[in-house]
C-alpha atoms as a PDB file:
ATOM      1  CA  THR A   1     -44.633 -24.683  -4.426  1.00  0.00           C
ATOM      2  CA  ILE A   2     -41.291 -26.507  -4.171  1.00  0.00           C
ATOM      3  CA  LYS A   3     -41.827 -29.262  -1.631  1.00  0.00           C
ATOM      4  CA  LYS A   4     -39.035 -31.747  -2.397  1.00  0.00           C
ATOM      5  CA  GLU A   5     -35.328 -31.331  -3.095  1.00  0.00           C
ATOM      6  CA  ASP A   6     -35.663 -32.980  -6.503  1.00  0.00           C
ATOM      7  CA  SER A   7     -38.002 -30.159  -7.522  1.00  0.00           C
ATOM      8  CA  VAL A   8     -35.239 -27.567  -7.195  1.00  0.00           C
ATOM      9  CA  LYS A   9     -33.154 -28.911 -10.100  1.00  0.00           C
ATOM     10  CA  LEU A  10     -34.440 -26.354 -12.610  1.00  0.00           C
ATOM     11  CA  GLN A  11     -33.689 -23.425 -10.299  1.00  0.00           C
ATOM     12  CA  LEU A  12     -30.177 -24.647  -9.493  1.00  0.00           C
ATOM     13  CA  ASN A  13     -29.307 -25.211 -13.149  1.00  0.00           C
ATOM     14  CA  PHE A  14     -30.537 -21.740 -14.114  1.00  0.00           C
ATOM     15  CA  LEU A  15     -28.658 -20.216 -11.173  1.00  0.00           C
ATOM     16  CA  ALA A  16     -25.455 -21.986 -12.238  1.00  0.00           C
ATOM     17  CA  SER A  17     -25.986 -20.752 -15.790  1.00  0.00           C
ATOM     18  CA  SER A  18     -26.381 -17.205 -14.497  1.00  0.00           C
ATOM     19  CA  VAL A  19     -23.165 -17.466 -12.504  1.00  0.00           C
ATOM     20  CA  SER A  20     -21.313 -18.900 -15.515  1.00  0.00           C
ATOM     21  CA  LEU A  21     -22.481 -16.178 -17.914  1.00  0.00           C
ATOM     22  CA  VAL A  22     -21.782 -13.321 -15.504  1.00  0.00           C
ATOM     23  CA  SER A  23     -18.332 -14.763 -14.789  1.00  0.00           C
ATOM     24  CA  ALA A  24     -17.574 -15.400 -18.477  1.00  0.00           C
ATOM     25  CA  PHE A  25     -18.337 -11.784 -19.321  1.00  0.00           C
ATOM     26  CA  GLY A  26     -16.042 -10.690 -16.501  1.00  0.00           C
ATOM     27  CA  LEU A  27     -13.219 -12.849 -17.888  1.00  0.00           C
ATOM     28  CA  LEU A  28     -13.767 -11.359 -21.363  1.00  0.00           C
ATOM     29  CA  GLN A  29     -13.729  -7.920 -19.773  1.00  0.00           C
ATOM     30  CA  TYR A  30     -10.313  -8.554 -18.210  1.00  0.00           C
ATOM     31  CA  TRP A  31      -8.718  -8.933 -21.634  1.00  0.00           C
ATOM     32  CA  THR A  32     -10.787  -6.423 -23.623  1.00  0.00           C
ATOM     33  CA  PHE A  33     -11.769  -3.781 -20.980  1.00  0.00           C
ATOM     34  CA  LEU A  34     -15.282  -4.014 -22.495  1.00  0.00           C
ATOM     35  CA  PHE A  35     -17.592  -1.791 -20.385  1.00  0.00           C
ATOM     36  CA  LEU A  36     -14.959  -1.775 -17.629  1.00  0.00           C
ATOM     37  CA  PRO A  37     -14.968   1.581 -15.756  1.00  0.00           C
ATOM     38  CA  LEU A  38     -11.715   3.455 -16.304  1.00  0.00           C
ATOM     39  CA  ARG A  39     -10.827   3.534 -12.609  1.00  0.00           C
ATOM     40  CA  PHE A  40     -10.520  -0.283 -12.607  1.00  0.00           C
ATOM     41  CA  TRP A  41      -8.165  -0.512 -15.606  1.00  0.00           C
ATOM     42  CA  GLY A  42      -5.175  -0.911 -13.314  1.00  0.00           C
ATOM     43  CA  SER A  43      -3.379   2.258 -14.344  1.00  0.00           C
ATOM     44  CA  GLY A  44      -2.933   3.465 -10.748  1.00  0.00           C
ATOM     45  CA  GLU A  45      -1.756   1.713  -7.589  1.00  0.00           C
ATOM     46  CA  GLU A  46      -4.284  -1.099  -7.915  1.00  0.00           C
ATOM     47  CA  VAL A  47      -4.256  -3.958 -10.416  1.00  0.00           C
ATOM     48  CA  THR A  48      -6.881  -4.424 -13.148  1.00  0.00           C
ATOM     49  CA  ARG A  49     -10.166  -5.504 -11.518  1.00  0.00           C
ATOM     50  CA  ILE A  50     -13.220  -6.834 -13.351  1.00  0.00           C
ATOM     51  CA  THR A  51     -16.814  -5.771 -12.677  1.00  0.00           C
ATOM     52  CA  SER A  52     -18.753  -7.846 -15.272  1.00  0.00           C
ATOM     53  CA  VAL A  53     -22.353  -6.529 -15.397  1.00  0.00           C
ATOM     54  CA  PHE A  54     -21.980  -4.646 -12.108  1.00  0.00           C
ATOM     55  CA  GLU A  55     -20.676  -1.161 -11.390  1.00  0.00           C
ATOM     56  CA  TYR A  56     -17.722  -2.168  -9.234  1.00  0.00           C
ATOM     57  CA  PRO A  57     -15.601  -5.281  -8.473  1.00  0.00           C
ATOM     58  CA  ASN A  58     -16.880  -5.879  -4.944  1.00  0.00           C
ATOM     59  CA  ALA A  59     -20.479  -6.106  -6.209  1.00  0.00           C
ATOM     60  CA  LEU A  60     -19.409  -8.940  -8.509  1.00  0.00           C
ATOM     61  CA  ALA A  61     -17.504 -10.615  -5.664  1.00  0.00           C
ATOM     62  CA  LEU A  62     -20.506 -10.325  -3.326  1.00  0.00           C
ATOM     63  CA  PHE A  63     -22.650 -12.102  -5.923  1.00  0.00           C
ATOM     64  CA  LEU A  64     -20.163 -14.833  -6.809  1.00  0.00           C
ATOM     65  CA  ALA A  65     -18.345 -15.725  -3.568  1.00  0.00           C
ATOM     66  CA  PRO A  66     -21.179 -17.405  -1.601  1.00  0.00           C
ATOM     67  CA  LEU A  67     -22.432 -19.129  -4.756  1.00  0.00           C
ATOM     68  CA  PHE A  68     -18.953 -20.463  -5.506  1.00  0.00           C
ATOM     69  CA  ILE A  69     -18.780 -22.212  -2.131  1.00  0.00           C
ATOM     70  CA  PHE A  70     -22.430 -23.322  -2.539  1.00  0.00           C
ATOM     71  CA  PHE A  71     -21.710 -25.066  -5.835  1.00  0.00           C
ATOM     72  CA  LEU A  72     -18.351 -26.349  -4.557  1.00  0.00           C
ATOM     73  CA  VAL A  73     -20.166 -28.302  -1.832  1.00  0.00           C
ATOM     74  CA  LEU A  74     -22.565 -29.779  -4.396  1.00  0.00           C
ATOM     75  CA  TRP A  75     -19.542 -30.732  -6.528  1.00  0.00           C
ATOM     76  CA  PHE A  76     -17.784 -32.488  -3.642  1.00  0.00           C
ATOM     77  CA  LYS A  77     -20.986 -34.250  -2.632  1.00  0.00           C
ATOM     78  CA  LYS A  78     -21.564 -35.331  -6.260  1.00  0.00           C
ATOM     79  CA  SER A  79     -25.100 -33.965  -6.113  1.00  0.00           C
ATOM     80  CA  SER A  80     -27.564 -35.175  -8.738  1.00  0.00           C
ATOM     81  CA  LEU A  81     -29.519 -31.925  -8.466  1.00  0.00           C
ATOM     82  CA  ILE A  82     -27.399 -30.136 -11.054  1.00  0.00           C
ATOM     83  CA  ASN A  83     -25.838 -31.030 -14.389  1.00  0.00           C
ATOM     84  CA  ARG A  84     -22.241 -32.126 -13.732  1.00  0.00           C
ATOM     85  CA  ILE A  85     -20.724 -30.469 -16.821  1.00  0.00           C
ATOM     86  CA  LEU A  86     -22.487 -27.199 -16.040  1.00  0.00           C
ATOM     87  CA  LEU A  87     -21.305 -27.452 -12.437  1.00  0.00           C
ATOM     88  CA  ASN A  88     -17.671 -27.835 -13.560  1.00  0.00           C
ATOM     89  CA  ILE A  89     -17.953 -24.833 -15.884  1.00  0.00           C
ATOM     90  CA  THR A  90     -19.596 -22.765 -13.151  1.00  0.00           C
ATOM     91  CA  LEU A  91     -16.850 -23.458 -10.631  1.00  0.00           C
ATOM     92  CA  LEU A  92     -14.075 -22.850 -13.170  1.00  0.00           C
ATOM     93  CA  PHE A  93     -15.476 -19.555 -14.477  1.00  0.00           C
ATOM     94  CA  SER A  94     -16.660 -18.172 -11.137  1.00  0.00           C
ATOM     95  CA  GLY A  95     -13.414 -19.097  -9.381  1.00  0.00           C
ATOM     96  CA  ALA A  96     -11.391 -17.251 -12.018  1.00  0.00           C
ATOM     97  CA  ALA A  97     -13.754 -14.268 -11.916  1.00  0.00           C
ATOM     98  CA  ILE A  98     -13.585 -13.993  -8.117  1.00  0.00           C
ATOM     99  CA  PHE A  99      -9.814 -14.038  -8.371  1.00  0.00           C
ATOM    100  CA  LEU A 100      -9.862 -11.202 -10.922  1.00  0.00           C
ATOM    101  CA  THR A 101     -12.144  -9.022  -8.806  1.00  0.00           C
ATOM    102  CA  PHE A 102      -9.198  -8.820  -6.413  1.00  0.00           C
ATOM    103  CA  SER A 103     -11.718  -8.525  -3.586  1.00  0.00           C
ATOM    104  CA  ARG A 104      -9.755  -9.292  -0.431  1.00  0.00           C
ATOM    105  CA  GLY A 105     -12.964  -9.762   1.551  1.00  0.00           C
ATOM    106  CA  ALA A 106     -14.212 -12.429  -0.872  1.00  0.00           C
ATOM    107  CA  TRP A 107     -10.837 -14.165  -0.926  1.00  0.00           C
ATOM    108  CA  LEU A 108     -10.670 -14.305   2.866  1.00  0.00           C
ATOM    109  CA  ALA A 109     -14.282 -15.479   3.232  1.00  0.00           C
ATOM    110  CA  ILE A 110     -13.813 -18.332   0.737  1.00  0.00           C
ATOM    111  CA  PHE A 111     -10.438 -19.259   2.265  1.00  0.00           C
ATOM    112  CA  LEU A 112     -11.813 -19.486   5.816  1.00  0.00           C
ATOM    113  CA  ALA A 113     -14.959 -21.316   4.697  1.00  0.00           C
ATOM    114  CA  THR A 114     -12.876 -23.846   2.745  1.00  0.00           C
ATOM    115  CA  ILE A 115     -10.686 -24.491   5.789  1.00  0.00           C
ATOM    116  CA  PHE A 116     -13.781 -24.972   7.966  1.00  0.00           C
ATOM    117  CA  LEU A 117     -15.372 -27.298   5.412  1.00  0.00           C
ATOM    118  CA  THR A 118     -12.183 -29.323   5.009  1.00  0.00           C
ATOM    119  CA  PHE A 119     -11.503 -29.918   8.692  1.00  0.00           C
ATOM    120  CA  LYS A 120     -15.154 -30.285   9.701  1.00  0.00           C
ATOM    121  CA  PHE A 121     -16.137 -32.914   7.157  1.00  0.00           C
ATOM    122  CA  TYR A 122     -12.998 -34.412   5.599  1.00  0.00           C
ATOM    123  CA  ARG A 123     -10.264 -34.322   8.272  1.00  0.00           C
ATOM    124  CA  PRO A 124      -7.222 -34.328   5.917  1.00  0.00           C
ATOM    125  CA  ASN A 125      -3.919 -35.888   6.955  1.00  0.00           C
ATOM    126  CA  LYS A 126      -0.795 -33.855   7.732  1.00  0.00           C
ATOM    127  CA  LYS A 127       0.705 -34.249   4.234  1.00  0.00           C
ATOM    128  CA  ILE A 128      -2.380 -32.798   2.556  1.00  0.00           C
ATOM    129  CA  VAL A 129      -2.428 -29.910   5.046  1.00  0.00           C
ATOM    130  CA  LEU A 130       1.248 -29.183   4.356  1.00  0.00           C
ATOM    131  CA  VAL A 131       0.702 -29.225   0.580  1.00  0.00           C
ATOM    132  CA  GLY A 132      -2.271 -26.904   1.045  1.00  0.00           C
ATOM    133  CA  ILE A 133      -0.196 -24.434   3.084  1.00  0.00           C
ATOM    134  CA  ILE A 134       2.564 -24.429   0.442  1.00  0.00           C
ATOM    135  CA  ILE A 135       0.027 -23.796  -2.348  1.00  0.00           C
ATOM    136  CA  VAL A 136      -1.566 -20.905  -0.417  1.00  0.00           C
ATOM    137  CA  ILE A 137       1.846 -19.309   0.256  1.00  0.00           C
ATOM    138  CA  PHE A 138       2.849 -19.709  -3.401  1.00  0.00           C
ATOM    139  CA  ILE A 139      -0.398 -18.079  -4.585  1.00  0.00           C
ATOM    140  CA  ALA A 140      -0.032 -15.245  -2.062  1.00  0.00           C
ATOM    141  CA  LEU A 141       3.470 -14.491  -3.384  1.00  0.00           C
ATOM    142  CA  LEU A 142       2.319 -14.057  -6.988  1.00  0.00           C
ATOM    143  CA  PRO A 143       2.992 -10.386  -7.951  1.00  0.00           C
ATOM    144  CA  PRO A 144      -0.599  -9.167  -8.551  1.00  0.00           C
ATOM    145  CA  ILE A 145      -1.877 -10.905  -5.405  1.00  0.00           C
ATOM    146  CA  SER A 146       0.980  -9.854  -3.143  1.00  0.00           C
ATOM    147  CA  LYS A 147       0.610  -6.287  -4.413  1.00  0.00           C
ATOM    148  CA  ARG A 148      -3.089  -6.309  -3.552  1.00  0.00           C
ATOM    149  CA  LEU A 149      -2.539  -7.930  -0.146  1.00  0.00           C
ATOM    150  CA  LEU A 150       0.198  -5.459   0.797  1.00  0.00           C
ATOM    151  CA  LEU A 151      -2.290  -2.629   0.328  1.00  0.00           C
ATOM    152  CA  THR A 152      -4.556  -4.116   3.016  1.00  0.00           C
ATOM    153  CA  PHE A 153      -5.368  -1.513   5.707  1.00  0.00           C
ATOM    154  CA  ASN A 154      -3.189   0.948   3.790  1.00  0.00           C
ATOM    155  CA  ASP A 155      -5.283   2.085   0.836  1.00  0.00           C
ATOM    156  CA  ALA A 156      -8.140   4.517   0.266  1.00  0.00           C
ATOM    157  CA  SER A 157     -10.746   1.746   0.303  1.00  0.00           C
ATOM    158  CA  SER A 158      -9.636   0.463   3.721  1.00  0.00           C
ATOM    159  CA  PHE A 159      -9.542   3.962   5.204  1.00  0.00           C
ATOM    160  CA  ALA A 160     -13.070   4.615   3.865  1.00  0.00           C
ATOM    161  CA  HIS A 161     -14.310   1.360   5.439  1.00  0.00           C
ATOM    162  CA  PHE A 162     -12.939   2.330   8.845  1.00  0.00           C
ATOM    163  CA  ASP A 163     -14.451   5.807   8.624  1.00  0.00           C
ATOM    164  CA  LEU A 164     -17.891   4.399   7.762  1.00  0.00           C
ATOM    165  CA  ILE A 165     -17.732   1.941  10.658  1.00  0.00           C
ATOM    166  CA  LYS A 166     -16.743   4.730  13.059  1.00  0.00           C
ATOM    167  CA  VAL A 167     -19.757   6.862  12.102  1.00  0.00           C
ATOM    168  CA  ALA A 168     -22.089   3.833  12.277  1.00  0.00           C
ATOM    169  CA  SER A 169     -20.777   2.800  15.706  1.00  0.00           C
ATOM    170  CA  LYS A 170     -21.362   6.291  17.112  1.00  0.00           C
ATOM    171  CA  LYS A 171     -24.930   6.243  15.778  1.00  0.00           C
ATOM    172  CA  ILE A 172     -25.560   2.849  17.391  1.00  0.00           C
ATOM    173  CA  ILE A 173     -24.339   4.188  20.736  1.00  0.00           C
ATOM    174  CA  SER A 174     -26.729   7.144  20.490  1.00  0.00           C
ATOM    175  CA  SER A 175     -29.671   5.072  19.173  1.00  0.00           C
ATOM    176  CA  PRO A 176     -29.134   1.394  20.127  1.00  0.00           C
ATOM    177  CA  VAL A 177     -32.773   0.272  19.808  1.00  0.00           C
ATOM    178  CA  LEU A 178     -34.062   1.986  16.654  1.00  0.00           C
ATOM    179  CA  GLY A 179     -30.820   2.611  14.725  1.00  0.00           C
ATOM    180  CA  ASN A 180     -31.176   5.191  11.964  1.00  0.00           C
ATOM    181  CA  GLY A 181     -34.136   3.633  10.123  1.00  0.00           C
ATOM    182  CA  LEU A 182     -34.415   2.317   6.591  1.00  0.00           C
ATOM    183  CA  TRP A 183     -32.251   4.243   4.121  1.00  0.00           C
ATOM    184  CA  GLY A 184     -31.160   6.433   7.021  1.00  0.00           C
ATOM    185  CA  PHE A 185     -27.392   5.997   6.865  1.00  0.00           C
ATOM    186  CA  ARG A 186     -26.941   8.702   4.246  1.00  0.00           C
ATOM    187  CA  HIS A 187     -28.663  11.131   6.625  1.00  0.00           C
ATOM    188  CA  THR A 188     -26.502   9.839   9.481  1.00  0.00           C
ATOM    189  CA  LEU A 189     -23.359  10.567   7.443  1.00  0.00           C
ATOM    190  CA  GLU A 190     -24.583  14.048   6.602  1.00  0.00           C
ATOM    191  CA  GLN A 191     -25.344  14.743  10.274  1.00  0.00           C
ATOM    192  CA  ALA A 192     -21.825  13.639  11.176  1.00  0.00           C
ATOM    193  CA  LYS A 193     -20.457  16.003   8.488  1.00  0.00           C
ATOM    194  CA  PHE A 194     -18.776  13.058   6.796  1.00  0.00           C
ATOM    195  CA  THR A 195     -16.251  14.296   4.221  1.00  0.00           C
ATOM    196  CA  GLY A 196     -15.824  11.048   2.269  1.00  0.00           C
ATOM    197  CA  GLU A 197     -18.114   9.373  -0.272  1.00  0.00           C
ATOM    198  CA  VAL A 198     -21.682   9.242   1.084  1.00  0.00           C
ATOM    199  CA  LEU A 199     -22.812   5.586   0.849  1.00  0.00           C
ATOM    200  CA  ASN A 200     -26.066   3.848   1.691  1.00  0.00           C
ATOM    201  CA  TYR A 201     -24.710   1.484   4.353  1.00  0.00           C
ATOM    202  CA  PRO A 202     -21.720   0.944   6.623  1.00  0.00           C
ATOM    203  CA  HIS A 203     -19.598  -1.948   5.385  1.00  0.00           C
ATOM    204  CA  ASN A 204     -20.319  -4.405   8.185  1.00  0.00           C
ATOM    205  CA  ILE A 205     -23.238  -6.834   8.277  1.00  0.00           C
ATOM    206  CA  ILE A 206     -23.963  -6.363  11.993  1.00  0.00           C
ATOM    207  CA  LEU A 207     -24.012  -2.587  11.716  1.00  0.00           C
ATOM    208  CA  ASN A 208     -26.010  -2.839   8.468  1.00  0.00           C
ATOM    209  CA  PHE A 209     -28.931  -4.639  10.066  1.00  0.00           C
ATOM    210  CA  TRP A 210     -28.683  -2.863  13.408  1.00  0.00           C
ATOM    211  CA  LEU A 211     -28.874   0.577  11.808  1.00  0.00           C
ATOM    212  CA  GLU A 212     -31.459  -0.259   9.135  1.00  0.00           C
ATOM    213  CA  LEU A 213     -33.839  -2.443  11.163  1.00  0.00           C
ATOM    214  CA  GLY A 214     -32.962  -1.635  14.757  1.00  0.00           C
ATOM    215  CA  LEU A 215     -31.961  -4.084  17.467  1.00  0.00           C
ATOM    216  CA  LEU A 216     -35.030  -6.268  16.888  1.00  0.00           C
ATOM    217  CA  GLY A 217     -34.209  -6.507  13.183  1.00  0.00           C
ATOM    218  CA  LEU A 218     -30.620  -7.526  13.933  1.00  0.00           C
ATOM    219  CA  LEU A 219     -31.709 -10.216  16.394  1.00  0.00           C
ATOM    220  CA  SER A 220     -34.364 -11.445  13.956  1.00  0.00           C
ATOM    221  CA  PHE A 221     -31.815 -11.796  11.157  1.00  0.00           C
ATOM    222  CA  PHE A 222     -29.523 -14.010  13.245  1.00  0.00           C
ATOM    223  CA  ALA A 223     -32.502 -15.907  14.680  1.00  0.00           C
ATOM    224  CA  LEU A 224     -33.561 -16.735  11.116  1.00  0.00           C
ATOM    225  CA  ILE A 225     -30.096 -18.058  10.317  1.00  0.00           C
ATOM    226  CA  ASN A 226     -30.122 -20.075  13.544  1.00  0.00           C
ATOM    227  CA  LEU A 227     -33.505 -21.608  12.641  1.00  0.00           C
ATOM    228  CA  SER A 228     -32.183 -22.535   9.203  1.00  0.00           C
ATOM    229  CA  LEU A 229     -29.078 -24.206  10.612  1.00  0.00           C
ATOM    230  CA  ALA A 230     -31.296 -26.095  13.070  1.00  0.00           C
ATOM    231  CA  GLU A 231     -33.159 -27.513  10.043  1.00  0.00           C
ATOM    232  CA  TYR A 232     -29.812 -28.642   8.611  1.00  0.00           C
ATOM    233  CA  LYS A 233     -28.976 -30.459  11.860  1.00  0.00           C
ATOM    234  CA  LYS A 234     -32.335 -32.243  11.755  1.00  0.00           C
ATOM    235  CA  ASN A 235     -31.778 -33.466   8.211  1.00  0.00           C
ATOM    236  CA  PRO A 236     -28.180 -32.826   7.002  1.00  0.00           C
ATOM    237  CA  THR A 237     -28.554 -33.180   3.232  1.00  0.00           C
ATOM    238  CA  SER A 238     -25.950 -32.024   0.698  1.00  0.00           C
ATOM    239  CA  LEU A 239     -28.210 -29.196  -0.420  1.00  0.00           C
ATOM    240  CA  LYS A 240     -28.632 -27.877   3.115  1.00  0.00           C
ATOM    241  CA  LEU A 241     -24.888 -28.158   3.736  1.00  0.00           C
ATOM    242  CA  ALA A 242     -24.336 -26.077   0.593  1.00  0.00           C
ATOM    243  CA  GLY A 243     -26.826 -23.547   1.953  1.00  0.00           C
ATOM    244  CA  ALA A 244     -25.059 -23.450   5.312  1.00  0.00           C
ATOM    245  CA  MET A 245     -21.713 -22.748   3.641  1.00  0.00           C
ATOM    246  CA  PHE A 246     -23.367 -20.051   1.517  1.00  0.00           C
ATOM    247  CA  LEU A 247     -24.490 -18.345   4.737  1.00  0.00           C
ATOM    248  CA  LEU A 248     -21.026 -18.716   6.280  1.00  0.00           C
ATOM    249  CA  VAL A 249     -19.312 -16.997   3.334  1.00  0.00           C
ATOM    250  CA  MET A 250     -22.000 -14.326   3.316  1.00  0.00           C
ATOM    251  CA  LEU A 251     -21.430 -13.590   7.017  1.00  0.00           C
ATOM    252  CA  LEU A 252     -17.626 -13.628   6.733  1.00  0.00           C
ATOM    253  CA  HIS A 253     -17.602 -11.374   3.679  1.00  0.00           C
ATOM    254  CA  GLY A 254     -20.220  -9.236   5.398  1.00  0.00           C
ATOM    255  CA  LEU A 255     -17.744  -8.237   8.092  1.00  0.00           C
ATOM    256  CA  VAL A 256     -16.203  -5.842   5.551  1.00  0.00           C
ATOM    257  CA  ASP A 257     -18.982  -5.285   3.005  1.00  0.00           C
ATOM    258  CA  VAL A 258     -22.754  -5.201   2.393  1.00  0.00           C
ATOM    259  CA  PRO A 259     -23.850  -8.756   1.438  1.00  0.00           C
ATOM    260  CA  TYR A 260     -27.637  -8.327   1.755  1.00  0.00           C
ATOM    261  CA  PHE A 261     -28.925  -4.840   0.919  1.00  0.00           C
ATOM    262  CA  LYS A 262     -28.851  -5.207  -2.878  1.00  0.00           C
ATOM    263  CA  ASN A 263     -31.657  -6.657  -4.989  1.00  0.00           C
ATOM    264  CA  ASP A 264     -29.708  -9.639  -6.345  1.00  0.00           C
ATOM    265  CA  LEU A 265     -28.127 -10.469  -2.983  1.00  0.00           C
ATOM    266  CA  SER A 266     -31.341 -10.304  -0.954  1.00  0.00           C
ATOM    267  CA  ILE A 267     -33.174 -12.521  -3.462  1.00  0.00           C
ATOM    268  CA  LEU A 268     -30.330 -15.054  -3.283  1.00  0.00           C
ATOM    269  CA  PHE A 269     -30.397 -14.963   0.525  1.00  0.00           C
ATOM    270  CA  TRP A 270     -34.107 -15.822   0.709  1.00  0.00           C
ATOM    271  CA  PHE A 271     -33.763 -18.484  -1.986  1.00  0.00           C
ATOM    272  CA  VAL A 272     -31.025 -20.198   0.038  1.00  0.00           C
ATOM    273  CA  ILE A 273     -33.035 -19.856   3.266  1.00  0.00           C
ATOM    274  CA  SER A 274     -35.959 -21.580   1.539  1.00  0.00           C
ATOM    275  CA  LEU A 275     -33.763 -24.589   0.731  1.00  0.00           C
ATOM    276  CA  PHE A 276     -33.515 -25.441   4.447  1.00  0.00           C
ATOM    277  CA  PHE A 277     -37.285 -25.794   4.743  1.00  0.00           C
ATOM    278  CA  ILE A 278     -38.088 -27.972   1.728  1.00  0.00           C
END
């Protein structure tokens, strides 16, 4: 029933409120450990990582990261579709919460998307670029961040990711057209006598769709994104640019995680897709 961009104000303000509340609880959790699973308290090799209302930090990061860049675009474009004070609070809280998830995939996705957005639409001068590089290096050298980054490709989580991708790739080779069917990855892991944690999906967006929906499903997913971006090119509004950046972060983060096959994430995906066709 939404036919004009002005009609989406209510939805955007409620979505921003949701992001703010979820993030605020995560920030409270960092200091109080309220409902924070013991394994994320930071007593082992890893630092303290928040989960907010979710079961694990990456689930929170998957929810917040694409929405952070979405609202960041609306902030830069000074959009009238959302309350400005609420928008500031949303960006402040969600940015801090994403940081405290210590999700390297979310960090990298937002970093690359911000670089793309900056050079594509704003073309900064050399001084601004240099200042930006210095700030990034300084942040990367902060003890909790450097500790987390140094674990990249050398911790249990990274090893588990690689193992899942290996099993998924072998299944694709043996069944390139049909994949393993909906909810079939657990069975695929069992068939492969996988010794690690049995999960529902491999942590890669291409393998996710290819295995779950087959080759046609994978091609359809990217065709849908292509159609949406074509709508942006026809009428490049701020809202559609925000949607395009949402999709970019989702795809980048999806290279190392599962950014669609969860109730909240799939609903968000289709909501953002709808914004291109208003």
